[in-house]
């Protein structure tokens, strides 16, 4: 079974699927701070430790 990934914002899961994942619904041209979102890998139903997603800017 292939690994899947989940993205969390705090304790809320906002996205799950195969890599690459795209977070949608964000305001355009917005700076998002490191750690606002975290990613985990899911293998055999078990999540890895959460890893902070680096800071990024949304597209216009």
Protein backbone atom coordinates (compact mmCIF):
# COMPACT_ATOMS: atom_id res chain seq x y z
CA UNK A 1 0.00 0.00 0.00
CA UNK A 2 1.35 3.44 -0.94
CA UNK A 3 2.11 6.04 1.69
CA UNK A 4 -0.31 8.92 2.00
CA UNK A 5 0.14 12.29 3.63
CA UNK A 6 -1.98 14.50 5.84
CA UNK A 7 -1.77 18.22 6.47
CA UNK A 8 -2.97 19.61 9.78
CA UNK A 9 -3.66 23.12 11.00
CA UNK A 10 -3.38 22.70 14.74
CA UNK A 11 -5.38 19.57 15.57
CA UNK A 12 -7.63 19.88 12.51
CA UNK A 13 -6.86 17.69 9.49
CA UNK A 14 -7.28 19.91 6.43
CA UNK A 15 -6.04 17.62 3.66
CA UNK A 16 -5.12 14.01 2.95
CA UNK A 17 -3.83 12.25 -0.14
CA UNK A 18 -0.82 11.34 -2.24
CA UNK A 19 2.12 13.68 -2.69
CA UNK A 20 2.17 16.43 -3.81
CA UNK A 21 -0.66 18.02 -1.82
CA UNK A 22 -2.01 21.53 -2.40
CA UNK A 23 -3.69 23.57 0.32
CA UNK A 24 -6.62 25.44 -1.25
CA UNK A 25 -8.98 28.14 -0.04
CA UNK A 26 -6.30 30.48 1.27
CA UNK A 27 -6.41 34.23 0.67
CA UNK A 28 -4.24 35.32 -2.28
CA UNK A 29 -0.89 37.04 -1.65
CA UNK A 30 -0.80 36.08 2.02
CA UNK A 31 2.27 35.16 4.07
CA UNK A 32 1.79 31.95 6.03
CA UNK A 33 4.17 31.44 8.97
CA UNK A 34 6.27 28.34 9.50
CA UNK A 35 4.35 25.87 11.64
CA UNK A 36 0.89 27.17 10.76
CA UNK A 37 0.48 23.84 8.96
CA UNK A 38 2.11 20.51 9.76
CA UNK A 39 2.56 17.46 7.56
CA UNK A 40 2.64 13.77 8.47
CA UNK A 41 3.25 10.62 6.47
CA UNK A 42 0.79 7.78 6.97
CA UNK A 43 2.09 4.24 6.58
CA UNK A 44 0.03 1.18 7.49
CA UNK A 45 -2.48 3.48 9.17
CA UNK A 46 0.11 5.03 11.50
CA UNK A 47 1.12 8.69 11.38
CA UNK A 48 4.70 9.88 11.58
CA UNK A 49 5.59 12.77 13.87
CA UNK A 50 4.22 16.11 12.69
CA UNK A 51 6.69 18.26 10.77
CA UNK A 52 6.24 22.01 10.40
CA UNK A 53 5.66 23.17 6.84
CA UNK A 54 8.07 26.05 6.11
CA UNK A 55 6.80 29.61 5.70
CA UNK A 56 5.32 30.37 2.29
CA UNK A 57 3.41 33.05 0.39
CA UNK A 58 0.19 32.20 -1.42
CA UNK A 59 -0.07 33.01 -5.11
CA UNK A 60 -1.88 36.07 -6.41
